[in-house]
Amino acid sequence: MPTIMVHHNVKDTKHWLASLIRKQVLEPIGVTNIRTFTDPQTSNRVGLVMDVADMEKLTAFMQTKAAADAMANDGVLPETMVFLVQS
């Protein structure tokens, strides 16, 4: 199971950190061990590290309205999102 790192900017870091939406939408598609991170130098840059059972399923999910709605709820700026896969 690969570990994935995702970083992006958000509108409100405190809101993003408090949100339960990530877990609610990602766990049903096999994403586990989700850990959150913040950038101490850039207040609105955040990241996740997570274990992904099926990368194709995650990639497909990220194209859905449910993913867009979850990101909008969390204040994610999708154009800043970068995925890195453990090598």
PDB file of N, CA and C in Angstrom:
ATOM      1  N   MET A   1       0.850  -1.173   0.000  1.00  0.00           N
ATOM      2  CA  MET A   1       0.000   0.000   0.000  1.00  0.00           C
ATOM      3  C   MET A   1       0.894   1.234   0.000  1.00  0.00           C
ATOM      4  N   PRO A   2       0.820   2.042  -1.056  1.00  0.00           N
ATOM      5  CA  PRO A   2       1.679   3.225  -1.109  1.00  0.00           C
ATOM      6  C   PRO A   2       1.241   4.315  -0.132  1.00  0.00           C
ATOM      7  N   THR A   3       2.204   5.075   0.304  1.00  0.00           N
ATOM      8  CA  THR A   3       1.942   6.266   1.105  1.00  0.00           C
ATOM      9  C   THR A   3       1.984   7.455   0.163  1.00  0.00           C
ATOM     10  N   ILE A   4       0.992   8.327   0.290  1.00  0.00           N
ATOM     11  CA  ILE A   4       0.848   9.483  -0.576  1.00  0.00           C
ATOM     12  C   ILE A   4       0.995  10.750   0.264  1.00  0.00           C
ATOM     13  N   MET A   5       1.676  11.742  -0.290  1.00  0.00           N
ATOM     14  CA  MET A   5       1.758  13.059   0.335  1.00  0.00           C
ATOM     15  C   MET A   5       1.028  14.022  -0.601  1.00  0.00           C
ATOM     16  N   VAL A   6       0.159  14.845  -0.032  1.00  0.00           N
ATOM     17  CA  VAL A   6      -0.567  15.856  -0.804  1.00  0.00           C
ATOM     18  C   VAL A   6      -0.352  17.185  -0.108  1.00  0.00           C
ATOM     19  N   HIS A   7       0.000  18.212  -0.874  1.00  0.00           N
ATOM     20  CA  HIS A   7       0.052  19.541  -0.263  1.00  0.00           C
ATOM     21  C   HIS A   7      -0.697  20.516  -1.150  1.00  0.00           C
ATOM     22  N   HIS A   8      -1.275  21.530  -0.504  1.00  0.00           N
ATOM     23  CA  HIS A   8      -2.085  22.525  -1.202  1.00  0.00           C
ATOM     24  C   HIS A   8      -2.323  23.712  -0.285  1.00  0.00           C
ATOM     25  N   ASN A   9      -2.896  24.750  -0.830  1.00  0.00           N
ATOM     26  CA  ASN A   9      -3.269  25.928  -0.049  1.00  0.00           C
ATOM     27  C   ASN A   9      -4.749  25.862   0.291  1.00  0.00           C
ATOM     28  N   VAL A  10      -5.104  26.507   1.393  1.00  0.00           N
ATOM     29  CA  VAL A  10      -6.492  26.580   1.834  1.00  0.00           C
ATOM     30  C   VAL A  10      -6.843  28.022   2.174  1.00  0.00           C
ATOM     31  N   LYS A  11      -8.138  28.286   2.244  1.00  0.00           N
ATOM     32  CA  LYS A  11      -8.594  29.628   2.596  1.00  0.00           C
ATOM     33  C   LYS A  11      -8.419  29.897   4.088  1.00  0.00           C
ATOM     34  N   ASP A  12      -8.655  28.869   4.921  1.00  0.00           N
ATOM     35  CA  ASP A  12      -8.638  29.033   6.374  1.00  0.00           C
ATOM     36  C   ASP A  12      -8.071  27.760   7.002  1.00  0.00           C
ATOM     37  N   THR A  13      -6.851  27.844   7.491  1.00  0.00           N
ATOM     38  CA  THR A  13      -6.172  26.662   8.018  1.00  0.00           C
ATOM     39  C   THR A  13      -6.897  26.071   9.225  1.00  0.00           C
ATOM     40  N   LYS A  14      -7.374  26.898  10.139  1.00  0.00           N
ATOM     41  CA  LYS A  14      -8.076  26.376  11.317  1.00  0.00           C
ATOM     42  C   LYS A  14      -9.323  25.603  10.918  1.00  0.00           C
ATOM     43  N   HIS A  15     -10.068  26.128   9.965  1.00  0.00           N
ATOM     44  CA  HIS A  15     -11.261  25.427   9.474  1.00  0.00           C
ATOM     45  C   HIS A  15     -10.865  24.091   8.848  1.00  0.00           C
ATOM     46  N   TRP A  16      -9.827  24.103   8.012  1.00  0.00           N
ATOM     47  CA  TRP A  16      -9.374  22.888   7.343  1.00  0.00           C
ATOM     48  C   TRP A  16      -8.965  21.832   8.358  1.00  0.00           C
ATOM     49  N   LEU A  17      -8.202  22.238   9.379  1.00  0.00           N
ATOM     50  CA  LEU A  17      -7.748  21.288  10.397  1.00  0.00           C
ATOM     51  C   LEU A  17      -8.915  20.676  11.168  1.00  0.00           C
ATOM     52  N   ALA A  18      -9.952  21.452  11.423  1.00  0.00           N
ATOM     53  CA  ALA A  18     -11.082  20.984  12.214  1.00  0.00           C
ATOM     54  C   ALA A  18     -12.061  20.114  11.419  1.00  0.00           C
ATOM     55  N   SER A  19     -11.971  20.141  10.121  1.00  0.00           N
ATOM     56  CA  SER A  19     -12.944  19.451   9.284  1.00  0.00           C
ATOM     57  C   SER A  19     -12.843  17.931   9.396  1.00  0.00           C
ATOM     58  N   LEU A  20     -13.988  17.281   9.394  1.00  0.00           N
ATOM     59  CA  LEU A  20     -14.059  15.811   9.400  1.00  0.00           C
ATOM     60  C   LEU A  20     -14.375  15.259   8.015  1.00  0.00           C
ATOM     61  N   ILE A  21     -14.604  16.141   7.060  1.00  0.00           N
ATOM     62  CA  ILE A  21     -15.004  15.729   5.709  1.00  0.00           C
ATOM     63  C   ILE A  21     -13.965  14.827   5.049  1.00  0.00           C
ATOM     64  N   ARG A  22     -12.676  15.157   5.174  1.00  0.00           N
ATOM     65  CA  ARG A  22     -11.625  14.334   4.548  1.00  0.00           C
ATOM     66  C   ARG A  22     -11.808  12.872   4.889  1.00  0.00           C
ATOM     67  N   LYS A  23     -11.891  12.618   6.171  1.00  0.00           N
ATOM     68  CA  LYS A  23     -12.009  11.239   6.644  1.00  0.00           C
ATOM     69  C   LYS A  23     -13.294  10.594   6.119  1.00  0.00           C
ATOM     70  N   GLN A  24     -14.380  11.341   6.137  1.00  0.00           N
ATOM     71  CA  GLN A  24     -15.674  10.817   5.703  1.00  0.00           C
ATOM     72  C   GLN A  24     -15.689  10.426   4.231  1.00  0.00           C
ATOM     73  N   VAL A  25     -14.985  11.162   3.383  1.00  0.00           N
ATOM     74  CA  VAL A  25     -15.007  10.841   1.951  1.00  0.00           C
ATOM     75  C   VAL A  25     -13.860   9.938   1.516  1.00  0.00           C
ATOM     76  N   LEU A  26     -12.744   9.978   2.231  1.00  0.00           N
ATOM     77  CA  LEU A  26     -11.587   9.185   1.799  1.00  0.00           C
ATOM     78  C   LEU A  26     -11.565   7.761   2.360  1.00  0.00           C
ATOM     79  N   GLU A  27     -11.984   7.577   3.585  1.00  0.00           N
ATOM     80  CA  GLU A  27     -11.940   6.232   4.165  1.00  0.00           C
ATOM     81  C   GLU A  27     -12.775   5.215   3.388  1.00  0.00           C
ATOM     82  N   PRO A  28     -13.986   5.570   2.905  1.00  0.00           N
ATOM     83  CA  PRO A  28     -14.761   4.579   2.145  1.00  0.00           C
ATOM     84  C   PRO A  28     -14.096   4.113   0.849  1.00  0.00           C
ATOM     85  N   ILE A  29     -13.140   4.872   0.328  1.00  0.00           N
ATOM     86  CA  ILE A  29     -12.445   4.424  -0.892  1.00  0.00           C
ATOM     87  C   ILE A  29     -11.087   3.798  -0.572  1.00  0.00           C
ATOM     88  N   GLY A  30     -10.856   3.472   0.692  1.00  0.00           N
ATOM     89  CA  GLY A  30      -9.656   2.732   1.061  1.00  0.00           C
ATOM     90  C   GLY A  30      -8.465   3.560   1.484  1.00  0.00           C
ATOM     91  N   VAL A  31      -8.678   4.836   1.799  1.00  0.00           N
ATOM     92  CA  VAL A  31      -7.586   5.690   2.268  1.00  0.00           C
ATOM     93  C   VAL A  31      -7.563   5.617   3.798  1.00  0.00           C
ATOM     94  N   THR A  32      -6.399   5.320   4.358  1.00  0.00           N
ATOM     95  CA  THR A  32      -6.282   5.163   5.807  1.00  0.00           C
ATOM     96  C   THR A  32      -5.084   5.944   6.335  1.00  0.00           C
ATOM     97  N   ASN A  33      -5.004   6.017   7.654  1.00  0.00           N
ATOM     98  CA  ASN A  33      -3.858   6.622   8.322  1.00  0.00           C
ATOM     99  C   ASN A  33      -3.605   8.053   7.832  1.00  0.00           C
ATOM    100  N   ILE A  34      -4.664   8.853   7.772  1.00  0.00           N
ATOM    101  CA  ILE A  34      -4.587  10.229   7.276  1.00  0.00           C
ATOM    102  C   ILE A  34      -4.004  11.127   8.363  1.00  0.00           C
ATOM    103  N   ARG A  35      -2.883  11.780   8.038  1.00  0.00           N
ATOM    104  CA  ARG A  35      -2.231  12.708   8.974  1.00  0.00           C
ATOM    105  C   ARG A  35      -2.172  14.087   8.343  1.00  0.00           C
ATOM    106  N   THR A  36      -2.436  15.114   9.148  1.00  0.00           N
ATOM    107  CA  THR A  36      -2.449  16.490   8.642  1.00  0.00           C
ATOM    108  C   THR A  36      -1.179  17.227   9.054  1.00  0.00           C
ATOM    109  N   PHE A  37      -0.791  18.192   8.208  1.00  0.00           N
ATOM    110  CA  PHE A  37       0.403  18.993   8.441  1.00  0.00           C
ATOM    111  C   PHE A  37       0.123  20.439   8.054  1.00  0.00           C
ATOM    112  N   THR A  38       0.826  21.357   8.697  1.00  0.00           N
ATOM    113  CA  THR A  38       0.757  22.772   8.345  1.00  0.00           C
ATOM    114  C   THR A  38       2.162  23.297   8.108  1.00  0.00           C
ATOM    115  N   ASP A  39       2.259  24.294   7.252  1.00  0.00           N
ATOM    116  CA  ASP A  39       3.542  24.911   6.941  1.00  0.00           C
ATOM    117  C   ASP A  39       3.748  26.088   7.901  1.00  0.00           C
ATOM    118  N   PRO A  40       4.763  26.035   8.747  1.00  0.00           N
ATOM    119  CA  PRO A  40       4.968  27.134   9.697  1.00  0.00           C
ATOM    120  C   PRO A  40       5.412  28.438   9.029  1.00  0.00           C
ATOM    121  N   GLN A  41       5.866  28.371   7.786  1.00  0.00           N
ATOM    122  CA  GLN A  41       6.325  29.556   7.074  1.00  0.00           C
ATOM    123  C   GLN A  41       5.224  30.214   6.239  1.00  0.00           C
ATOM    124  N   THR A  42       4.243  29.416   5.811  1.00  0.00           N
ATOM    125  CA  THR A  42       3.147  29.912   4.974  1.00  0.00           C
ATOM    126  C   THR A  42       1.851  29.467   5.616  1.00  0.00           C
ATOM    127  N   SER A  43       1.139  30.395   6.225  1.00  0.00           N
ATOM    128  CA  SER A  43       0.020  30.047   7.097  1.00  0.00           C
ATOM    129  C   SER A  43      -1.119  29.303   6.417  1.00  0.00           C
ATOM    130  N   ASN A  44      -1.283  29.452   5.117  1.00  0.00           N
ATOM    131  CA  ASN A  44      -2.389  28.754   4.468  1.00  0.00           C
ATOM    132  C   ASN A  44      -1.951  27.550   3.638  1.00  0.00           C
ATOM    133  N   ARG A  45      -0.717  27.095   3.778  1.00  0.00           N
ATOM    134  CA  ARG A  45      -0.238  25.892   3.080  1.00  0.00           C
ATOM    135  C   ARG A  45      -0.326  24.724   4.040  1.00  0.00           C
ATOM    136  N   VAL A  46      -1.009  23.672   3.591  1.00  0.00           N
ATOM    137  CA  VAL A  46      -1.226  22.499   4.427  1.00  0.00           C
ATOM    138  C   VAL A  46      -0.914  21.236   3.635  1.00  0.00           C
ATOM    139  N   GLY A  47      -0.899  20.114   4.332  1.00  0.00           N
ATOM    140  CA  GLY A  47      -0.637  18.860   3.646  1.00  0.00           C
ATOM    141  C   GLY A  47      -1.203  17.670   4.383  1.00  0.00           C
ATOM    142  N   LEU A  48      -1.241  16.571   3.664  1.00  0.00           N
ATOM    143  CA  LEU A  48      -1.693  15.292   4.199  1.00  0.00           C
ATOM    144  C   LEU A  48      -0.681  14.228   3.836  1.00  0.00           C
ATOM    145  N   VAL A  49      -0.534  13.267   4.703  1.00  0.00           N
ATOM    146  CA  VAL A  49       0.153  12.023   4.374  1.00  0.00           C
ATOM    147  C   VAL A  49      -0.862  10.933   4.668  1.00  0.00           C
ATOM    148  N   MET A  50      -1.018   9.985   3.745  1.00  0.00           N
ATOM    149  CA  MET A  50      -2.042   8.957   3.905  1.00  0.00           C
ATOM    150  C   MET A  50      -1.647   7.701   3.159  1.00  0.00           C
ATOM    151  N   ASP A  51      -2.187   6.598   3.604  1.00  0.00           N
ATOM    152  CA  ASP A  51      -1.971   5.316   2.935  1.00  0.00           C
ATOM    153  C   ASP A  51      -3.147   5.074   2.001  1.00  0.00           C
ATOM    154  N   VAL A  52      -2.842   4.702   0.762  1.00  0.00           N
ATOM    155  CA  VAL A  52      -3.866   4.556  -0.267  1.00  0.00           C
ATOM    156  C   VAL A  52      -3.836   3.123  -0.795  1.00  0.00           C
ATOM    157  N   ALA A  53      -4.925   2.394  -0.580  1.00  0.00           N
ATOM    158  CA  ALA A  53      -5.003   0.997  -1.016  1.00  0.00           C
ATOM    159  C   ALA A  53      -5.070   0.882  -2.542  1.00  0.00           C
ATOM    160  N   ASP A  54      -5.756   1.815  -3.194  1.00  0.00           N
ATOM    161  CA  ASP A  54      -5.971   1.739  -4.639  1.00  0.00           C
ATOM    162  C   ASP A  54      -5.827   3.143  -5.237  1.00  0.00           C
ATOM    163  N   MET A  55      -4.688   3.408  -5.827  1.00  0.00           N
ATOM    164  CA  MET A  55      -4.397   4.726  -6.380  1.00  0.00           C
ATOM    165  C   MET A  55      -5.353   5.082  -7.516  1.00  0.00           C
ATOM    166  N   GLU A  56      -5.748   4.113  -8.330  1.00  0.00           N
ATOM    167  CA  GLU A  56      -6.686   4.376  -9.420  1.00  0.00           C
ATOM    168  C   GLU A  56      -8.041   4.823  -8.871  1.00  0.00           C
ATOM    169  N   LYS A  57      -8.469   4.199  -7.782  1.00  0.00           N
ATOM    170  CA  LYS A  57      -9.740   4.571  -7.161  1.00  0.00           C
ATOM    171  C   LYS A  57      -9.663   5.998  -6.614  1.00  0.00           C
ATOM    172  N   LEU A  58      -8.545   6.352  -5.983  1.00  0.00           N
ATOM    173  CA  LEU A  58      -8.370   7.710  -5.474  1.00  0.00           C
ATOM    174  C   LEU A  58      -8.354   8.716  -6.623  1.00  0.00           C
ATOM    175  N   THR A  59      -7.635   8.412  -7.683  1.00  0.00           N
ATOM    176  CA  THR A  59      -7.558   9.311  -8.838  1.00  0.00           C
ATOM    177  C   THR A  59      -8.943   9.527  -9.446  1.00  0.00           C
ATOM    178  N   ALA A  60      -9.707   8.452  -9.591  1.00  0.00           N
ATOM    179  CA  ALA A  60     -11.066   8.565 -10.136  1.00  0.00           C
ATOM    180  C   ALA A  60     -11.947   9.388  -9.199  1.00  0.00           C
ATOM    181  N   PHE A  61     -11.836   9.140  -7.904  1.00  0.00           N
ATOM    182  CA  PHE A  61     -12.642   9.882  -6.937  1.00  0.00           C
ATOM    183  C   PHE A  61     -12.360  11.377  -7.010  1.00  0.00           C
ATOM    184  N   MET A  62     -11.106  11.749  -7.183  1.00  0.00           N
ATOM    185  CA  MET A  62     -10.731  13.161  -7.201  1.00  0.00           C
ATOM    186  C   MET A  62     -11.388  13.924  -8.353  1.00  0.00           C
ATOM    187  N   GLN A  63     -11.930  13.208  -9.334  1.00  0.00           N
ATOM    188  CA  GLN A  63     -12.607  13.837 -10.479  1.00  0.00           C
ATOM    189  C   GLN A  63     -14.108  13.984 -10.261  1.00  0.00           C
ATOM    190  N   THR A  64     -14.626  13.549  -9.113  1.00  0.00           N
ATOM    191  CA  THR A  64     -16.066  13.544  -8.875  1.00  0.00           C
ATOM    192  C   THR A  64     -16.559  14.831  -8.228  1.00  0.00           C
ATOM    193  N   LYS A  65     -17.878  15.015  -8.294  1.00  0.00           N
ATOM    194  CA  LYS A  65     -18.517  16.148  -7.632  1.00  0.00           C
ATOM    195  C   LYS A  65     -18.363  16.028  -6.125  1.00  0.00           C
ATOM    196  N   ALA A  66     -18.400  14.805  -5.594  1.00  0.00           N
ATOM    197  CA  ALA A  66     -18.235  14.600  -4.144  1.00  0.00           C
ATOM    198  C   ALA A  66     -16.875  15.112  -3.680  1.00  0.00           C
ATOM    199  N   ALA A  67     -15.838  14.859  -4.457  1.00  0.00           N
ATOM    200  CA  ALA A  67     -14.504  15.356  -4.107  1.00  0.00           C
ATOM    201  C   ALA A  67     -14.461  16.880  -4.204  1.00  0.00           C
ATOM    202  N   ALA A  68     -15.048  17.434  -5.262  1.00  0.00           N
ATOM    203  CA  ALA A  68     -15.080  18.890  -5.427  1.00  0.00           C
ATOM    204  C   ALA A  68     -15.844  19.542  -4.283  1.00  0.00           C
ATOM    205  N   ASP A  69     -16.963  18.943  -3.890  1.00  0.00           N
ATOM    206  CA  ASP A  69     -17.753  19.483  -2.785  1.00  0.00           C
ATOM    207  C   ASP A  69     -16.983  19.418  -1.470  1.00  0.00           C
ATOM    208  N   ALA A  70     -16.285  18.309  -1.237  1.00  0.00           N
ATOM    209  CA  ALA A  70     -15.495  18.167  -0.005  1.00  0.00           C
ATOM    210  C   ALA A  70     -14.375  19.203   0.045  1.00  0.00           C
ATOM    211  N   MET A  71     -13.703  19.401  -1.087  1.00  0.00           N
ATOM    212  CA  MET A  71     -12.632  20.399  -1.128  1.00  0.00           C
ATOM    213  C   MET A  71     -13.187  21.800  -0.925  1.00  0.00           C
ATOM    214  N   ALA A  72     -14.330  22.090  -1.538  1.00  0.00           N
ATOM    215  CA  ALA A  72     -14.949  23.416  -1.376  1.00  0.00           C
ATOM    216  C   ALA A  72     -15.338  23.635   0.088  1.00  0.00           C
ATOM    217  N   ASN A  73     -15.893  22.616   0.724  1.00  0.00           N
ATOM    218  CA  ASN A  73     -16.277  22.721   2.130  1.00  0.00           C
ATOM    219  C   ASN A  73     -15.059  23.006   3.008  1.00  0.00           C
ATOM    220  N   ASP A  74     -13.939  22.379   2.679  1.00  0.00           N
ATOM    221  CA  ASP A  74     -12.729  22.539   3.478  1.00  0.00           C
ATOM    222  C   ASP A  74     -11.921  23.780   3.096  1.00  0.00           C
ATOM    223  N   GLY A  75     -12.352  24.483   2.049  1.00  0.00           N
ATOM    224  CA  GLY A  75     -11.635  25.687   1.630  1.00  0.00           C
ATOM    225  C   GLY A  75     -10.349  25.402   0.881  1.00  0.00           C
ATOM    226  N   VAL A  76     -10.255  24.211   0.288  1.00  0.00           N
ATOM    227  CA  VAL A  76      -9.063  23.833  -0.479  1.00  0.00           C
ATOM    228  C   VAL A  76      -9.037  24.612  -1.793  1.00  0.00           C
ATOM    229  N   LEU A  77      -7.879  25.109  -2.167  1.00  0.00           N
ATOM    230  CA  LEU A  77      -7.684  25.743  -3.462  1.00  0.00           C
ATOM    231  C   LEU A  77      -7.122  24.672  -4.405  1.00  0.00           C
ATOM    232  N   PRO A  78      -8.009  23.998  -5.169  1.00  0.00           N
ATOM    233  CA  PRO A  78      -7.609  22.820  -5.951  1.00  0.00           C
ATOM    234  C   PRO A  78      -6.465  23.061  -6.926  1.00  0.00           C
ATOM    235  N   GLU A  79      -6.360  24.276  -7.449  1.00  0.00           N
ATOM    236  CA  GLU A  79      -5.303  24.560  -8.424  1.00  0.00           C
ATOM    237  C   GLU A  79      -3.909  24.505  -7.804  1.00  0.00           C
ATOM    238  N   THR A  80      -3.824  24.467  -6.468  1.00  0.00           N
ATOM    239  CA  THR A  80      -2.528  24.409  -5.797  1.00  0.00           C
ATOM    240  C   THR A  80      -2.163  22.991  -5.370  1.00  0.00           C
ATOM    241  N   MET A  81      -3.036  22.022  -5.622  1.00  0.00           N
ATOM    242  CA  MET A  81      -2.861  20.659  -5.114  1.00  0.00           C
ATOM    243  C   MET A  81      -1.769  19.899  -5.864  1.00  0.00           C
ATOM    244  N   VAL A  82      -0.874  19.282  -5.077  1.00  0.00           N
ATOM    245  CA  VAL A  82       0.203  18.461  -5.633  1.00  0.00           C
ATOM    246  C   VAL A  82       0.200  17.118  -4.899  1.00  0.00           C
ATOM    247  N   PHE A  83       0.189  16.010  -5.659  1.00  0.00           N
ATOM    248  CA  PHE A  83       0.255  14.665  -5.098  1.00  0.00           C
ATOM    249  C   PHE A  83       1.665  14.123  -5.297  1.00  0.00           C
ATOM    250  N   LEU A  84       2.228  13.533  -4.257  1.00  0.00           N
ATOM    251  CA  LEU A  84       3.516  12.850  -4.344  1.00  0.00           C
ATOM    252  C   LEU A  84       3.328  11.428  -3.838  1.00  0.00           C
ATOM    253  N   VAL A  85       3.875  10.470  -4.580  1.00  0.00           N
ATOM    254  CA  VAL A  85       3.720   9.056  -4.234  1.00  0.00           C
ATOM    255  C   VAL A  85       5.057   8.542  -3.722  1.00  0.00           C
ATOM    256  N   GLN A  86       4.988   7.817  -2.611  1.00  0.00           N
ATOM    257  CA  GLN A  86       6.213   7.246  -2.038  1.00  0.00           C
ATOM    258  C   GLN A  86       6.898   6.370  -3.070  1.00  0.00           C
ATOM    259  N   SER A  87       8.204   6.542  -3.211  1.00  0.00           N
ATOM    260  CA  SER A  87       8.947   5.742  -4.198  1.00  0.00           C
ATOM    261  C   SER A  87       9.900   4.788  -3.523  1.00  0.00           C
TER     262      SER A  87
END
